[in-house]
Amino acid sequence: MNWQKCIRCNVYFDQPNYLAMAELCPDCWVYLPHYKLKEGSIKTKESRLPHILKDITFNEALMYIVGNGLCLLIVAYYLWFK
């Protein structure tokens, strides 16, 4: 158990789980308002991907990866052997 100092009333208190109540003594914790969210109030966000990335097909992505890989192989060949 750890002795903690209440940040609201500056009283020392002993609490086994001192992180659960935001460094407030039990008396101050009761008087603070506790807000609860309604289940329908949480809004879902849209995807962060740009609109362009949503329109790319699998074949286009595969051709892009193969093309970049070939370019990297050519550069590596010239750097390694020449």
C-alpha atoms as a PDB file:
ATOM      1  CA  MET A   1       0.000   0.000   0.000  1.00  0.00           C
ATOM      2  CA  ASN A   2       1.185   3.461  -0.876  1.00  0.00           C
ATOM      3  CA  TRP A   3       0.432   6.742   0.781  1.00  0.00           C
ATOM      4  CA  GLN A   4      -0.813   9.258  -1.767  1.00  0.00           C
ATOM      5  CA  LYS A   5      -1.584  12.945  -1.515  1.00  0.00           C
ATOM      6  CA  CYS A   6      -4.993  14.033  -2.828  1.00  0.00           C
ATOM      7  CA  ILE A   7      -4.602  16.672  -5.535  1.00  0.00           C
ATOM      8  CA  ARG A   8      -7.891  18.330  -4.612  1.00  0.00           C
ATOM      9  CA  CYS A   9      -7.892  18.598  -0.807  1.00  0.00           C
ATOM     10  CA  ASN A  10      -4.188  17.838  -0.016  1.00  0.00           C
ATOM     11  CA  VAL A  11      -5.014  15.052   2.418  1.00  0.00           C
ATOM     12  CA  TYR A  12      -2.822  11.950   2.598  1.00  0.00           C
ATOM     13  CA  PHE A  13      -4.671   8.683   2.097  1.00  0.00           C
ATOM     14  CA  ASP A  14      -3.802   5.020   1.783  1.00  0.00           C
ATOM     15  CA  GLN A  15      -5.167   3.278  -1.305  1.00  0.00           C
ATOM     16  CA  PRO A  16      -4.207  -0.197  -2.585  1.00  0.00           C
ATOM     17  CA  ASN A  17      -4.870   0.728  -6.227  1.00  0.00           C
ATOM     18  CA  TYR A  18      -3.798   4.368  -6.325  1.00  0.00           C
ATOM     19  CA  LEU A  19      -3.897   4.655 -10.138  1.00  0.00           C
ATOM     20  CA  ALA A  20      -7.588   3.825 -10.372  1.00  0.00           C
ATOM     21  CA  MET A  21      -8.849   7.057  -8.814  1.00  0.00           C
ATOM     22  CA  ALA A  22      -6.533   9.666 -10.417  1.00  0.00           C
ATOM     23  CA  GLU A  23      -4.773  10.582  -7.169  1.00  0.00           C
ATOM     24  CA  LEU A  24      -7.984  11.608  -5.422  1.00  0.00           C
ATOM     25  CA  CYS A  25      -9.048  10.517  -1.961  1.00  0.00           C
ATOM     26  CA  PRO A  26     -12.301   8.532  -1.740  1.00  0.00           C
ATOM     27  CA  ASP A  27     -14.229  11.564  -0.428  1.00  0.00           C
ATOM     28  CA  CYS A  28     -13.182  13.789  -3.356  1.00  0.00           C
ATOM     29  CA  TRP A  29     -13.774  10.950  -5.818  1.00  0.00           C
ATOM     30  CA  VAL A  30     -17.431  10.709  -4.773  1.00  0.00           C
ATOM     31  CA  TYR A  31     -18.093  14.426  -5.335  1.00  0.00           C
ATOM     32  CA  LEU A  32     -16.644  14.585  -8.866  1.00  0.00           C
ATOM     33  CA  PRO A  33     -19.093  13.982 -11.725  1.00  0.00           C
ATOM     34  CA  HIS A  34     -18.636  10.697 -13.569  1.00  0.00           C
ATOM     35  CA  TYR A  35     -19.726  10.814 -17.176  1.00  0.00           C
ATOM     36  CA  LYS A  36     -20.875   7.744 -19.068  1.00  0.00           C
ATOM     37  CA  LEU A  37     -21.174   7.439 -22.831  1.00  0.00           C
ATOM     38  CA  LYS A  38     -24.339   6.260 -24.475  1.00  0.00           C
ATOM     39  CA  GLU A  39     -23.904   3.297 -26.794  1.00  0.00           C
ATOM     40  CA  GLY A  40     -25.143   5.160 -29.873  1.00  0.00           C
ATOM     41  CA  SER A  41     -23.038   8.283 -29.317  1.00  0.00           C
ATOM     42  CA  ILE A  42     -19.774   6.823 -30.604  1.00  0.00           C
ATOM     43  CA  LYS A  43     -19.217   7.806 -34.228  1.00  0.00           C
ATOM     44  CA  THR A  44     -17.165   5.718 -36.605  1.00  0.00           C
ATOM     45  CA  LYS A  45     -14.555   7.475 -38.707  1.00  0.00           C
ATOM     46  CA  GLU A  46     -13.997   6.879 -42.368  1.00  0.00           C
ATOM     47  CA  SER A  47     -10.878   5.192 -43.610  1.00  0.00           C
ATOM     48  CA  ARG A  48      -7.755   7.351 -43.609  1.00  0.00           C
ATOM     49  CA  LEU A  49      -6.626   5.991 -46.962  1.00  0.00           C
ATOM     50  CA  PRO A  50      -6.814   8.453 -49.836  1.00  0.00           C
ATOM     51  CA  HIS A  51      -9.471   7.893 -52.453  1.00  0.00           C
ATOM     52  CA  ILE A  52      -6.828   6.843 -55.004  1.00  0.00           C
ATOM     53  CA  LEU A  53      -5.727   3.841 -52.950  1.00  0.00           C
ATOM     54  CA  LYS A  54      -9.272   2.508 -52.786  1.00  0.00           C
ATOM     55  CA  ASP A  55      -9.497   2.256 -56.595  1.00  0.00           C
ATOM     56  CA  ILE A  56      -6.304   0.199 -57.141  1.00  0.00           C
ATOM     57  CA  THR A  57      -6.928  -3.400 -58.156  1.00  0.00           C
ATOM     58  CA  PHE A  58      -4.810  -6.373 -57.166  1.00  0.00           C
ATOM     59  CA  ASN A  59      -3.257  -6.660 -60.657  1.00  0.00           C
ATOM     60  CA  GLU A  60      -2.215  -3.002 -60.652  1.00  0.00           C
ATOM     61  CA  ALA A  61      -0.616  -3.343 -57.227  1.00  0.00           C
ATOM     62  CA  LEU A  62       1.189  -6.517 -58.319  1.00  0.00           C
ATOM     63  CA  MET A  63       2.520  -4.860 -61.487  1.00  0.00           C
ATOM     64  CA  TYR A  64       3.702  -1.864 -59.418  1.00  0.00           C
ATOM     65  CA  ILE A  65       5.574  -4.113 -56.975  1.00  0.00           C
ATOM     66  CA  VAL A  66       7.173  -6.189 -59.761  1.00  0.00           C
ATOM     67  CA  GLY A  67       8.198  -3.045 -61.671  1.00  0.00           C
ATOM     68  CA  ASN A  68       9.817  -1.477 -58.624  1.00  0.00           C
ATOM     69  CA  GLY A  69      11.551  -4.758 -57.812  1.00  0.00           C
ATOM     70  CA  LEU A  70      13.027  -4.947 -61.306  1.00  0.00           C
ATOM     71  CA  CYS A  71      14.258  -1.363 -61.077  1.00  0.00           C
ATOM     72  CA  LEU A  72      15.915  -2.109 -57.741  1.00  0.00           C
ATOM     73  CA  LEU A  73      17.544  -5.236 -59.186  1.00  0.00           C
ATOM     74  CA  ILE A  74      18.976  -3.239 -62.116  1.00  0.00           C
ATOM     75  CA  VAL A  75      20.371  -0.562 -59.799  1.00  0.00           C
ATOM     76  CA  ALA A  76      21.808  -3.203 -57.472  1.00  0.00           C
ATOM     77  CA  TYR A  77      23.393  -5.017 -60.442  1.00  0.00           C
ATOM     78  CA  TYR A  78      25.132  -1.872 -61.660  1.00  0.00           C
ATOM     79  CA  LEU A  79      26.322  -0.950 -58.173  1.00  0.00           C
ATOM     80  CA  TRP A  80      27.552  -4.462 -57.349  1.00  0.00           C
ATOM     81  CA  PHE A  81      29.162  -5.628 -60.594  1.00  0.00           C
ATOM     82  CA  LYS A  82      30.264  -2.441 -62.347  1.00  0.00           C
END
